[in-house]
Amino acid sequence: MLYGVSMAQSKCLSLSEAITNTVVGYALAVATQFAVFPYFGLQVGILQNLWLGLIFTGVSVRGAMRCGACLTG
């Protein structure tokens, strides 16, 4: 509640926000890999980079789900 006004978010809007955050996070992870890997001498192809970003995103989503489950009981 903020200033006496309920700020409840609908489940549909919450799902939309979660999906948007996941897609943006995936794109950022892949872009970061393309930028950073060459500095460490890692030669990774485009498809491998996309798969690696997907794996990292999956681990992150799973971790967030476990953390959320712990916080909500």
Protein backbone atom coordinates (compact mmCIF):
# COMPACT_ATOMS: atom_id res chain seq x y z
CA MET A 1 0.00 0.00 0.00
CA LEU A 2 1.38 3.36 -1.01
CA TYR A 3 -0.18 6.57 0.33
CA GLY A 4 -3.30 4.64 1.31
CA VAL A 5 -3.78 3.27 -2.21
CA SER A 6 -3.54 -0.44 -2.95
CA MET A 7 -0.85 -1.12 -5.55
CA ALA A 8 -1.79 -4.72 -6.38
CA GLN A 9 -0.52 -6.00 -9.71
CA SER A 10 -2.65 -8.43 -11.71
CA LYS A 11 -1.30 -11.91 -12.34
CA CYS A 12 -1.36 -11.29 -16.09
CA LEU A 13 0.68 -8.12 -15.74
CA SER A 14 3.06 -9.86 -13.35
CA LEU A 15 3.58 -12.70 -15.84
CA SER A 16 4.16 -10.19 -18.64
CA GLU A 17 6.76 -8.38 -16.53
CA ALA A 18 8.52 -11.65 -15.65
CA ILE A 19 8.68 -12.75 -19.30
CA THR A 20 9.97 -9.32 -20.38
CA ASN A 21 12.65 -9.37 -17.68
CA THR A 22 13.73 -12.88 -18.73
CA VAL A 23 13.98 -11.97 -22.42
CA VAL A 24 15.91 -8.77 -21.67
CA GLY A 25 18.22 -10.69 -19.31
CA TYR A 26 18.87 -13.35 -21.97
CA ALA A 27 19.68 -10.73 -24.62
CA LEU A 28 21.98 -8.90 -22.21
CA ALA A 29 23.76 -12.14 -21.27
CA VAL A 30 24.38 -13.08 -24.91
CA ALA A 31 25.55 -9.57 -25.80
CA THR A 32 27.92 -9.60 -22.82
CA GLN A 33 29.33 -12.97 -23.87
CA PHE A 34 29.99 -11.69 -27.40
CA ALA A 35 31.78 -8.67 -25.96
CA VAL A 36 33.73 -10.30 -23.11
CA PHE A 37 34.69 -13.80 -24.29
CA PRO A 38 37.27 -12.59 -26.84
CA TYR A 39 39.14 -10.72 -24.09
CA PHE A 40 39.67 -14.06 -22.36
CA GLY A 41 40.72 -15.82 -25.55
CA LEU A 42 37.48 -17.82 -25.76
CA GLN A 43 36.42 -18.62 -29.31
CA VAL A 44 32.72 -19.48 -29.20
CA GLY A 45 30.44 -19.69 -32.23
CA ILE A 46 27.14 -17.87 -32.50
CA LEU A 47 25.01 -20.97 -31.88
CA GLN A 48 27.15 -22.00 -28.89
CA ASN A 49 26.87 -18.47 -27.50
CA LEU A 50 23.08 -18.56 -27.82
CA TRP A 51 22.89 -21.97 -26.11
CA LEU A 52 25.19 -20.85 -23.31
CA GLY A 53 23.02 -17.77 -22.73
CA LEU A 54 19.96 -20.03 -22.61
CA ILE A 55 21.62 -22.30 -20.03
CA PHE A 56 22.59 -19.32 -17.86
CA THR A 57 19.06 -17.92 -18.14
CA GLY A 58 17.54 -21.28 -17.19
CA VAL A 59 19.75 -21.51 -14.12
CA SER A 60 18.85 -17.96 -13.16
CA VAL A 61 15.10 -18.53 -13.57
CA ARG A 62 15.28 -21.76 -11.57
CA GLY A 63 17.19 -20.00 -8.81
CA ALA A 64 14.66 -17.18 -8.72
CA MET A 65 11.82 -19.70 -8.47
CA ARG A 66 13.48 -21.47 -5.55
CA CYS A 67 14.19 -18.17 -3.82
CA GLY A 68 10.61 -17.02 -4.31
CA ALA A 69 9.28 -20.30 -2.95
CA CYS A 70 11.43 -19.90 0.16
CA LEU A 71 10.25 -16.34 0.72
CA THR A 72 6.53 -17.08 0.31
CA GLY A 73 6.54 -20.17 2.47
